[in-house]
C-alpha atoms as a PDB file:
ATOM      1  CA  MET A   1      13.131  25.154  24.612  1.00  0.00           C
ATOM      2  CA  ILE A   2       9.478  26.194  24.268  1.00  0.00           C
ATOM      3  CA  CYS A   3       7.196  24.211  21.942  1.00  0.00           C
ATOM      4  CA  TRP A   4       5.529  26.465  19.399  1.00  0.00           C
ATOM      5  CA  HIS A   5       2.240  24.536  19.694  1.00  0.00           C
ATOM      6  CA  CYS A   6       1.720  23.571  23.357  1.00  0.00           C
ATOM      7  CA  LYS A   7       3.790  26.528  24.667  1.00  0.00           C
ATOM      8  CA  GLU A   8       5.476  24.302  27.269  1.00  0.00           C
ATOM      9  CA  ASN A   9       9.150  24.659  28.142  1.00  0.00           C
ATOM     10  CA  LYS A  10      10.743  21.240  27.507  1.00  0.00           C
ATOM     11  CA  ASP A  11      14.175  19.678  27.452  1.00  0.00           C
ATOM     12  CA  LEU A  12      15.915  19.616  24.031  1.00  0.00           C
ATOM     13  CA  SER A  13      15.663  15.813  23.975  1.00  0.00           C
ATOM     14  CA  MET A  14      11.893  16.292  23.519  1.00  0.00           C
ATOM     15  CA  PHE A  15      12.462  17.936  20.114  1.00  0.00           C
ATOM     16  CA  LYS A  16      13.529  16.408  16.801  1.00  0.00           C
ATOM     17  CA  LYS A  17      16.744  17.686  15.276  1.00  0.00           C
ATOM     18  CA  ARG A  18      16.268  19.798  12.126  1.00  0.00           C
ATOM     19  CA  LYS A  19      19.166  21.217  10.171  1.00  0.00           C
ATOM     20  CA  ALA A  20      16.910  23.656   8.275  1.00  0.00           C
ATOM     21  CA  VAL A  21      16.079  25.556  11.484  1.00  0.00           C
ATOM     22  CA  THR A  22      18.577  28.023  12.971  1.00  0.00           C
ATOM     23  CA  SER A  23      18.411  26.408  16.414  1.00  0.00           C
ATOM     24  CA  GLY A  24      18.986  22.962  14.903  1.00  0.00           C
ATOM     25  CA  TYR A  25      15.746  21.657  16.441  1.00  0.00           C
ATOM     26  CA  SER A  26      12.105  21.464  15.367  1.00  0.00           C
ATOM     27  CA  THR A  27       9.825  24.188  16.718  1.00  0.00           C
ATOM     28  CA  LEU A  28       7.328  21.519  17.805  1.00  0.00           C
ATOM     29  CA  CYS A  29       8.004  18.964  20.522  1.00  0.00           C
ATOM     30  CA  LYS A  30       7.863  15.318  19.450  1.00  0.00           C
ATOM     31  CA  LYS A  31       4.429  14.832  21.034  1.00  0.00           C
ATOM     32  CA  CYS A  32       2.874  17.855  19.276  1.00  0.00           C
ATOM     33  CA  HIS A  33       4.596  16.957  16.005  1.00  0.00           C
ATOM     34  CA  GLY A  34       3.146  13.426  16.181  1.00  0.00           C
ATOM     35  CA  LYS A  35      -0.353  14.729  16.897  1.00  0.00           C
ATOM     36  CA  LYS A  36      -0.096  17.213  14.013  1.00  0.00           C
ATOM     37  CA  GLN A  37       1.005  14.424  11.631  1.00  0.00           C
ATOM     38  CA  LYS A  38      -1.801  12.130  12.817  1.00  0.00           C
ATOM     39  CA  ASP A  39      -4.393  14.885  12.342  1.00  0.00           C
ATOM     40  CA  LEU A  40      -3.053  15.643   8.854  1.00  0.00           C
ATOM     41  CA  GLN A  41      -3.177  11.976   7.825  1.00  0.00           C
ATOM     42  CA  ARG A  42      -6.832  11.850   8.832  1.00  0.00           C
ATOM     43  CA  THR A  43      -7.857  14.590   6.380  1.00  0.00           C
ATOM     44  CA  LYS A  44      -8.990  13.528   2.901  1.00  0.00           C
ATOM     45  CA  GLU A  45      -5.909  15.106   1.338  1.00  0.00           C
ATOM     46  CA  GLY A  46      -3.595  13.502   3.899  1.00  0.00           C
ATOM     47  CA  LEU A  47      -5.212  10.102   3.379  1.00  0.00           C
ATOM     48  CA  ILE A  48      -4.800  10.401  -0.392  1.00  0.00           C
ATOM     49  CA  THR A  49      -1.133  11.298   0.072  1.00  0.00           C
ATOM     50  CA  GLN A  50      -0.712   8.132   2.175  1.00  0.00           C
ATOM     51  CA  ILE A  51      -2.505   6.024  -0.452  1.00  0.00           C
ATOM     52  CA  TYR A  52      -0.430   7.445  -3.312  1.00  0.00           C
ATOM     53  CA  ASN A  53       2.874   7.016  -1.468  1.00  0.00           C
ATOM     54  CA  ALA A  54       1.922   3.414  -0.621  1.00  0.00           C
ATOM     55  CA  GLN A  55       1.139   2.755  -4.295  1.00  0.00           C
ATOM     56  CA  LYS A  56       4.534   4.090  -5.331  1.00  0.00           C
ATOM     57  CA  ALA A  57       6.302   1.965  -2.694  1.00  0.00           C
ATOM     58  CA  SER A  58       4.280  -1.122  -3.633  1.00  0.00           C
ATOM     59  CA  SER A  59       5.111  -0.606  -7.308  1.00  0.00           C
ATOM     60  CA  ARG A  60       8.831  -0.431  -6.494  1.00  0.00           C
ATOM     61  CA  LYS A  61       8.622  -3.520  -4.307  1.00  0.00           C
ATOM     62  CA  ARG A  62       6.801  -5.518  -6.986  1.00  0.00           C
ATOM     63  CA  ARG A  63       8.978  -4.040  -9.747  1.00  0.00           C
ATOM     64  CA  HIS A  64       5.907  -2.708 -11.509  1.00  0.00           C
ATOM     65  CA  ARG A  65       5.747   0.578 -13.341  1.00  0.00           C
ATOM     66  CA  GLN A  66       4.970   3.573 -11.143  1.00  0.00           C
ATOM     67  CA  PRO A  67       1.314   4.721 -11.096  1.00  0.00           C
ATOM     68  CA  GLU A  68       0.258   6.258 -14.417  1.00  0.00           C
ATOM     69  CA  TYR A  69      -1.169   9.255 -12.597  1.00  0.00           C
ATOM     70  CA  LEU A  70       0.149  11.997 -10.357  1.00  0.00           C
ATOM     71  CA  LYS A  71      -1.042  12.440  -6.784  1.00  0.00           C
ATOM     72  CA  GLU A  72      -3.151  15.442  -7.850  1.00  0.00           C
ATOM     73  CA  GLU A  73      -4.849  13.333 -10.549  1.00  0.00           C
ATOM     74  CA  LEU A  74      -5.593  10.587  -8.016  1.00  0.00           C
ATOM     75  CA  LEU A  75      -7.011  13.242  -5.672  1.00  0.00           C
ATOM     76  CA  ASP A  76      -9.300  14.556  -8.454  1.00  0.00           C
ATOM     77  CA  TRP A  77     -10.403  11.011  -9.322  1.00  0.00           C
ATOM     78  CA  LEU A  78     -11.131  10.091  -5.704  1.00  0.00           C
ATOM     79  CA  PHE A  79     -12.980  13.343  -5.046  1.00  0.00           C
ATOM     80  CA  SER A  80     -15.208  12.565  -8.059  1.00  0.00           C
ATOM     81  CA  GLN A  81     -16.134   9.159  -6.565  1.00  0.00           C
ATOM     82  CA  THR A  82     -19.205   9.172  -4.311  1.00  0.00           C
ATOM     83  CA  LYS A  83     -17.996   5.920  -2.743  1.00  0.00           C
ATOM     84  CA  PHE A  84     -14.773   7.608  -1.550  1.00  0.00           C
ATOM     85  CA  HIS A  85     -16.723  10.231   0.401  1.00  0.00           C
ATOM     86  CA  GLU A  86     -19.038   7.550   1.855  1.00  0.00           C
ATOM     87  CA  LEU A  87     -16.094   5.354   2.940  1.00  0.00           C
ATOM     88  CA  TYR A  88     -14.267   8.362   4.380  1.00  0.00           C
ATOM     89  CA  ASN A  89     -17.328   9.476   6.394  1.00  0.00           C
ATOM     90  CA  GLU A  90     -17.817   5.948   7.777  1.00  0.00           C
ATOM     91  CA  TRP A  91     -14.133   5.846   8.770  1.00  0.00           C
ATOM     92  CA  VAL A  92     -14.449   9.191  10.600  1.00  0.00           C
ATOM     93  CA  LYS A  93     -17.696   8.058  12.325  1.00  0.00           C
ATOM     94  CA  SER A  94     -15.908   4.907  13.538  1.00  0.00           C
ATOM     95  CA  ASP A  95     -13.256   7.107  15.201  1.00  0.00           C
ATOM     96  CA  TYR A  96     -10.726   6.092  12.523  1.00  0.00           C
ATOM     97  CA  GLU A  97     -10.991   2.329  12.918  1.00  0.00           C
ATOM     98  CA  LYS A  98      -8.260   0.768  10.780  1.00  0.00           C
ATOM     99  CA  ASP A  99     -10.559  -1.829   9.158  1.00  0.00           C
ATOM    100  CA  LEU A 100     -12.821   0.925   7.774  1.00  0.00           C
ATOM    101  CA  LYS A 101     -10.050   3.144   6.400  1.00  0.00           C
ATOM    102  CA  PRO A 102     -10.596   3.914   2.686  1.00  0.00           C
ATOM    103  CA  SER A 103      -8.170   2.092   0.409  1.00  0.00           C
ATOM    104  CA  VAL A 104      -7.410   1.908  -3.313  1.00  0.00           C
ATOM    105  CA  ASP A 105      -6.356  -1.427  -4.780  1.00  0.00           C
ATOM    106  CA  ARG A 106      -5.620  -2.878  -8.165  1.00  0.00           C
ATOM    107  CA  LYS A 107      -8.391  -4.966  -9.747  1.00  0.00           C
ATOM    108  CA  ILE A 108      -5.839  -7.216 -11.427  1.00  0.00           C
ATOM    109  CA  ASP A 109      -2.740  -7.703  -9.276  1.00  0.00           C
ATOM    110  CA  ALA A 110      -0.407  -8.378 -12.190  1.00  0.00           C
ATOM    111  CA  ILE A 111      -1.138  -4.964 -13.767  1.00  0.00           C
ATOM    112  CA  HIS A 112       0.299  -1.676 -12.487  1.00  0.00           C
ATOM    113  CA  TYR A 113      -1.739   1.169 -10.977  1.00  0.00           C
ATOM    114  CA  CYS A 114      -3.776   3.012 -13.625  1.00  0.00           C
ATOM    115  CA  PHE A 115      -7.304   4.410 -13.533  1.00  0.00           C
ATOM    116  CA  LYS A 116      -8.679   1.410 -15.464  1.00  0.00           C
ATOM    117  CA  ASN A 117      -7.191  -0.967 -12.898  1.00  0.00           C
ATOM    118  CA  ILE A 118      -8.021   0.595  -9.520  1.00  0.00           C
ATOM    119  CA  GLN A 119     -11.007   0.270  -7.231  1.00  0.00           C
ATOM    120  CA  LEU A 120     -12.143   1.676  -3.896  1.00  0.00           C
ATOM    121  CA  MET A 121     -12.623  -0.496  -0.841  1.00  0.00           C
ATOM    122  CA  THR A 122     -11.979  -0.503   2.881  1.00  0.00           C
ATOM    123  CA  TRP A 123      -8.623  -1.476   4.342  1.00  0.00           C
ATOM    124  CA  SER A 124     -10.077  -4.774   5.657  1.00  0.00           C
ATOM    125  CA  GLU A 125     -11.533  -5.672   2.226  1.00  0.00           C
ATOM    126  CA  ASN A 126      -8.168  -4.938   0.618  1.00  0.00           C
ATOM    127  CA  ASN A 127      -6.339  -6.969   3.266  1.00  0.00           C
ATOM    128  CA  GLU A 128      -8.716  -9.916   2.851  1.00  0.00           C
ATOM    129  CA  LYS A 129      -8.387  -9.731  -0.941  1.00  0.00           C
ATOM    130  CA  GLY A 130      -4.628 -10.011  -0.521  1.00  0.00           C
ATOM    131  CA  ARG A 131      -4.981 -13.120   1.627  1.00  0.00           C
ATOM    132  CA  VAL A 132      -7.419 -14.806  -0.752  1.00  0.00           C
ATOM    133  CA  SER A 133      -5.217 -14.096  -3.783  1.00  0.00           C
ATOM    134  CA  LYS A 134      -2.382 -16.030  -2.117  1.00  0.00           C
ATOM    135  CA  PHE A 135      -4.477 -19.169  -2.460  1.00  0.00           C
ATOM    136  CA  LYS A 136      -5.182 -18.941  -6.188  1.00  0.00           C
ATOM    137  CA  SER A 137      -4.473 -22.040  -8.220  1.00  0.00           C
ATOM    138  CA  ILE A 138      -1.310 -21.837 -10.288  1.00  0.00           C
ATOM    139  CA  ILE A 139      -0.043 -23.678 -13.343  1.00  0.00           C
ATOM    140  CA  GLY A 140       3.557 -24.426 -14.282  1.00  0.00           C
ATOM    141  CA  GLU A 141       4.513 -25.435 -17.808  1.00  0.00           C
ATOM    142  CA  ASN A 142       7.694 -26.664 -19.460  1.00  0.00           C
ATOM    143  CA  ASP A 143       8.479 -28.718 -22.587  1.00  0.00           C
ATOM    144  CA  ARG A 144       7.708 -32.024 -20.837  1.00  0.00           C
ATOM    145  CA  GLU A 145       4.715 -31.392 -18.606  1.00  0.00           C
ATOM    146  CA  ILE A 146       2.043 -29.129 -17.147  1.00  0.00           C
ATOM    147  CA  VAL A 147       1.620 -29.098 -13.364  1.00  0.00           C
ATOM    148  CA  GLU A 148      -1.197 -27.510 -11.378  1.00  0.00           C
ATOM    149  CA  PHE A 149      -1.364 -26.640  -7.695  1.00  0.00           C
ATOM    150  CA  LYS A 150      -4.117 -25.221  -5.476  1.00  0.00           C
ATOM    151  CA  SER A 151      -1.774 -22.578  -4.074  1.00  0.00           C
ATOM    152  CA  LEU A 152       1.672 -21.055  -4.387  1.00  0.00           C
ATOM    153  CA  LYS A 153       2.635 -22.592  -1.043  1.00  0.00           C
ATOM    154  CA  GLU A 154       1.626 -26.083  -2.184  1.00  0.00           C
ATOM    155  CA  ALA A 155       3.715 -25.738  -5.366  1.00  0.00           C
ATOM    156  CA  GLN A 156       6.752 -24.474  -3.459  1.00  0.00           C
ATOM    157  CA  GLU A 157       6.586 -27.293  -0.913  1.00  0.00           C
ATOM    158  CA  THR A 158       5.897 -30.048  -3.447  1.00  0.00           C
ATOM    159  CA  LEU A 159       8.600 -29.042  -5.935  1.00  0.00           C
ATOM    160  CA  ASN A 160      10.995 -27.499  -3.393  1.00  0.00           C
ATOM    161  CA  ILE A 161      11.165 -24.248  -5.427  1.00  0.00           C
ATOM    162  CA  THR A 162      11.325 -20.922  -3.564  1.00  0.00           C
ATOM    163  CA  ASN A 163      11.075 -18.287  -6.323  1.00  0.00           C
ATOM    164  CA  ILE A 164       7.767 -19.160  -8.008  1.00  0.00           C
ATOM    165  CA  SER A 165       6.227 -15.861  -6.917  1.00  0.00           C
ATOM    166  CA  SER A 166       8.959 -13.999  -8.837  1.00  0.00           C
ATOM    167  CA  ALA A 167       7.959 -15.875 -11.999  1.00  0.00           C
ATOM    168  CA  LEU A 168       4.261 -15.184 -11.366  1.00  0.00           C
ATOM    169  CA  THR A 169       4.861 -11.432 -11.023  1.00  0.00           C
ATOM    170  CA  GLY A 170       7.162 -11.290 -14.052  1.00  0.00           C
ATOM    171  CA  ARG A 171      10.432 -10.584 -12.229  1.00  0.00           C
ATOM    172  CA  HIS A 172      11.786 -13.874 -13.589  1.00  0.00           C
ATOM    173  CA  LYS A 173      10.733 -15.745 -16.721  1.00  0.00           C
ATOM    174  CA  THR A 174      10.853 -19.166 -15.068  1.00  0.00           C
ATOM    175  CA  ALA A 175      11.246 -20.843 -11.692  1.00  0.00           C
ATOM    176  CA  GLY A 176      12.399 -24.426 -11.292  1.00  0.00           C
ATOM    177  CA  GLY A 177      12.331 -24.902 -15.063  1.00  0.00           C
ATOM    178  CA  TYR A 178       8.637 -23.974 -15.352  1.00  0.00           C
ATOM    179  CA  LYS A 179       6.858 -20.930 -16.726  1.00  0.00           C
ATOM    180  CA  TRP A 180       4.232 -20.018 -14.125  1.00  0.00           C
ATOM    181  CA  ARG A 181       0.809 -18.393 -14.359  1.00  0.00           C
ATOM    182  CA  TYR A 182      -2.360 -18.132 -12.327  1.00  0.00           C
ATOM    183  CA  LYS A 183      -5.200 -20.433 -13.308  1.00  0.00           C
ATOM    184  CA  ILE A 184      -8.070 -18.417 -14.737  1.00  0.00           C
END
């Protein structure tokens, strides 16, 4: 079969199967298809699609509400932000270095994605923020006592409770007989 993009004649195993096409195979070989996808993801629109899809997946995983905006509304918001264009240009100049990739994160982790609760940063800043937030002090309360720990891990190990994070994110009301919250 001949690839529509590179015009090379290749074995059928080099093409993805596609039911929507009469031949049953993609018109692009796997290599050309991958390059096309990579190029698309590096455009501003492609990057925003990635960001939005990641927000939707993250919301499902955390059992938060879905983002309050549509992808097109996020695109309009990002295009209106000077910082987005600056971060994007730096990422392109770096030859698409992962650490410099533009990212959108929630300001307050316990609140869903909405325009009042999102901020622009690089992928590495977002990643580091995630690591630091894992070491926030937490407080557990019940009718008898109040306990405080320097981190979620310390609380889990000390009390031998594994689902504290579920109580912190609101998936469960309590864990180990305590209501949990982050120390402010």
